[in-house]
Structure formats: C-alpha cells, structure tokens
C-alpha cells in the first residue's frame, strides 16, 4: 500500500508491533504530513501575494490576457488545499471522511463558494464592465475549480 501525499492510510500491517516506538513513528508521520501541507499552503499564499503585487504594479492583469487565468488557478489551488487542511488537520472536525468523492466535493464546494464570492466582489467594485464580463467570469470560475481539482488530486495522490 502506498503513502498518500497528505493522509497516511493504515492497515493492520502498519501495526505489527504495538509498542511505544511504533505508535510514536505513526504519529510523527501524520505530524510531518500536516507540516508539509501547511508549508506548501504558506509558500502558495506567499507566491500569490507576490504575483498579485507585481501584477497590480505593472498592470499585468490588463496587459497580459492570461495573467488573470493563472491567478485564478493558483487561488483555486490555495482555497482547495486550505479547505482540505482545515478539515483534516485543524482538529475542529471529528469522524473524518477520507473517501475520494468527499475530498473532491469538499474542495469543489469550497472553491466554488470563494470563487463566486470573489466574482460578486469584482462586480460590486466595478472591476470590469466590458462586453467580455460574462465569459471572463465563467473562465475565472472554471480556473478556480481546476485549481481545486488539482488540490484534491495532490491530496489523494499515491506514490
């Protein structure tokens, strides 16, 4: 059985020796997975902040048609990973479901909620009232969702 990127699945073979050292090793693996995923999210947020600052300062959102697409993808990846981290590692939730459909649904709904909220925010502050607003909004939401799907795949990936 392989290791998941963030969630260590166990079976009876993992607990051949139920001594203090064996249990300590299992807890350490879970702690390391929690720490690695947190570091990934931190680096992702930092990257988004830097890219957004550069994008605003150099008007890249208006000069490069694809810059907004990349930012929405990264935003979806961040929201999806953060939602999964909060659910699985924060300690706020009990009876954790680890089945892949639930992981995809959790990431998808989180990304969709934040993505729709962001698009409403853009509409309210009148970011873009061009003829392409509807298609831009649709593409933004699609890229948000693609980022969330990639977050789920990363979360579930087995090596």
Protein backbone atom coordinates (compact mmCIF):
# COMPACT_ATOMS: atom_id res chain seq x y z
CA UNK A 1 0.00 0.00 0.00
CA UNK A 2 1.39 3.41 -0.96
CA UNK A 3 1.51 6.60 1.01
CA UNK A 4 -0.87 9.43 0.23
CA UNK A 5 0.64 12.87 -0.13
CA UNK A 6 -1.07 14.19 2.99
CA UNK A 7 -3.14 11.41 4.57
CA UNK A 8 -1.40 8.25 5.71
CA UNK A 9 -3.74 5.31 5.19
CA UNK A 10 -3.05 2.44 7.52
CA UNK A 11 -3.80 -1.24 7.64
CA UNK A 12 -3.06 -3.99 10.13
CA UNK A 13 0.46 -4.47 8.73
CA UNK A 14 1.31 -0.94 9.85
CA UNK A 15 0.70 -2.02 13.45
CA UNK A 16 2.65 -5.29 13.59
CA UNK A 17 4.37 -4.13 16.76
CA UNK A 18 2.13 -2.08 19.01
CA UNK A 19 4.97 -0.83 21.14
CA UNK A 20 5.64 2.75 22.22
CA UNK A 21 8.19 3.32 19.44
CA UNK A 22 5.85 2.05 16.69
CA UNK A 23 3.00 4.31 17.77
CA UNK A 24 5.37 7.25 18.05
CA UNK A 25 6.51 6.68 14.46
CA UNK A 26 2.91 6.71 13.19
CA UNK A 27 2.15 9.98 15.00
CA UNK A 28 5.36 11.51 13.65
CA UNK A 29 4.38 10.61 10.06
CA UNK A 30 0.98 12.30 10.47
CA UNK A 31 2.65 15.35 12.03
CA UNK A 32 5.13 15.56 9.13
CA UNK A 33 2.33 15.32 6.57
CA UNK A 34 0.45 18.08 8.36
CA UNK A 35 3.58 20.23 8.47
CA UNK A 36 4.47 19.61 4.80
CA UNK A 37 0.96 20.52 3.62
CA UNK A 38 0.99 23.66 5.79
CA UNK A 39 4.36 24.72 4.34
CA UNK A 40 3.04 24.12 0.81
CA UNK A 41 -0.01 26.32 1.51
CA UNK A 42 2.20 29.01 3.07
CA UNK A 43 4.51 29.08 0.03
CA UNK A 44 1.49 29.14 -2.27
CA UNK A 45 -0.07 32.11 -0.44
CA UNK A 46 3.26 33.93 -0.49
CA UNK A 47 3.61 33.29 -4.22
CA UNK A 48 0.07 34.53 -4.89
CA UNK A 49 0.71 37.68 -2.84
CA UNK A 50 3.96 38.42 -4.69
CA UNK A 51 2.44 37.76 -8.12
CA UNK A 52 -0.62 39.87 -7.29
CA UNK A 53 1.55 42.77 -6.13
CA UNK A 54 3.69 42.60 -9.26
CA UNK A 55 0.58 42.19 -11.41
CA UNK A 56 -1.04 45.30 -9.97
CA UNK A 57 2.12 47.42 -10.04
CA UNK A 58 2.95 46.52 -13.65
CA UNK A 59 -0.72 46.37 -14.80
CA UNK A 60 -0.25 42.75 -15.84
CA UNK A 61 -3.95 41.97 -15.30
CA UNK A 62 -4.70 44.40 -18.15
CA UNK A 63 -1.60 43.87 -20.32
CA UNK A 64 -1.45 40.07 -20.31
CA UNK A 65 -4.77 38.36 -21.03
CA UNK A 66 -3.58 35.12 -19.38
CA UNK A 67 -2.28 36.59 -16.10
CA UNK A 68 -5.75 36.58 -14.50
CA UNK A 69 -6.19 32.94 -15.56
CA UNK A 70 -3.02 31.88 -13.73
CA UNK A 71 -4.04 33.84 -10.64
CA UNK A 72 -7.47 32.19 -10.52
CA UNK A 73 -5.90 28.75 -10.93
CA UNK A 74 -3.48 29.44 -8.07
CA UNK A 75 -6.32 30.88 -5.98
CA UNK A 76 -8.39 27.73 -6.53
CA UNK A 77 -5.40 25.57 -5.62
CA UNK A 78 -4.91 27.61 -2.44
CA UNK A 79 -8.57 27.53 -1.38
CA UNK A 80 -8.88 23.81 -2.14
CA UNK A 81 -5.71 22.90 -0.23
CA UNK A 82 -6.66 25.18 2.66
CA UNK A 83 -10.15 23.68 2.94
CA UNK A 84 -8.70 20.17 3.00
CA UNK A 85 -6.03 21.17 5.53
CA UNK A 86 -8.62 22.77 7.81
CA UNK A 87 -10.89 19.73 7.60
CA UNK A 88 -8.23 17.06 8.10
CA UNK A 89 -5.57 18.70 10.25
CA UNK A 90 -7.09 21.55 12.27
CA UNK A 91 -8.69 19.33 14.89
CA UNK A 92 -12.05 21.10 14.55
CA UNK A 93 -13.78 18.12 12.95
CA UNK A 94 -14.34 14.58 14.16
CA UNK A 95 -15.25 11.43 12.22
CA UNK A 96 -13.15 12.42 9.22
CA UNK A 97 -14.32 11.02 5.91
CA UNK A 98 -11.37 10.00 3.76
CA UNK A 99 -13.16 8.73 0.65
CA UNK A 100 -12.08 10.40 -2.61
CA UNK A 101 -15.56 11.61 -3.67
CA UNK A 102 -15.92 13.50 -0.39
CA UNK A 103 -12.45 15.04 -0.73
CA UNK A 104 -13.28 16.25 -4.26
CA UNK A 105 -16.67 17.56 -3.11
CA UNK A 106 -15.19 19.42 -0.13
CA UNK A 107 -12.55 21.07 -2.28
CA UNK A 108 -15.00 21.81 -5.12
CA UNK A 109 -17.66 23.42 -2.91
CA UNK A 110 -15.08 25.46 -1.00
CA UNK A 111 -13.51 26.75 -4.20
CA UNK A 112 -16.90 27.43 -5.80
CA UNK A 113 -18.12 29.40 -2.76
CA UNK A 114 -14.99 31.54 -2.55
CA UNK A 115 -14.82 31.93 -6.35
CA UNK A 116 -18.43 33.09 -6.59
CA UNK A 117 -17.87 35.45 -3.67
CA UNK A 118 -14.83 36.91 -5.42
CA UNK A 119 -16.76 37.43 -8.67
CA UNK A 120 -19.55 39.22 -6.76
CA UNK A 121 -16.88 41.40 -5.13
CA UNK A 122 -15.39 42.23 -8.55
CA UNK A 123 -18.86 43.11 -9.85
CA UNK A 124 -19.66 45.32 -6.86
CA UNK A 125 -16.45 47.33 -7.15
CA UNK A 126 -16.90 47.54 -10.91
CA UNK A 127 -13.63 45.87 -11.91
CA UNK A 128 -14.82 45.02 -15.41
CA UNK A 129 -17.99 46.04 -17.23
CA UNK A 130 -16.70 45.20 -20.70
CA UNK A 131 -18.55 43.09 -23.24
CA UNK A 132 -16.50 40.11 -22.09
CA UNK A 133 -17.58 40.22 -18.44
CA UNK A 134 -19.71 37.06 -18.56
CA UNK A 135 -17.09 35.00 -20.41
CA UNK A 136 -14.34 36.36 -18.14
CA UNK A 137 -16.35 35.41 -15.05
CA UNK A 138 -17.02 31.93 -16.44
CA UNK A 139 -13.33 31.40 -17.25
CA UNK A 140 -12.34 32.69 -13.79
CA UNK A 141 -14.69 30.20 -12.10
CA UNK A 142 -13.50 27.36 -14.34
CA UNK A 143 -9.87 28.07 -13.43
CA UNK A 144 -10.80 28.31 -9.73
CA UNK A 145 -12.43 24.88 -9.99
CA UNK A 146 -9.49 23.40 -11.94
CA UNK A 147 -7.20 24.60 -9.14
CA UNK A 148 -9.49 22.95 -6.59
CA UNK A 149 -9.50 19.68 -8.54
CA UNK A 150 -5.70 19.72 -8.71
CA UNK A 151 -5.66 20.32 -4.93
CA UNK A 152 -7.82 17.21 -4.45
CA UNK A 153 -5.61 15.14 -6.75
CA UNK A 154 -2.49 16.27 -4.90
CA UNK A 155 -4.19 15.41 -1.62
CA UNK A 156 -5.09 11.93 -2.80
CA UNK A 157 -2.09 11.11 -4.97
CA UNK A 158 -0.47 7.83 -4.09
CA UNK A 159 3.19 7.10 -4.80
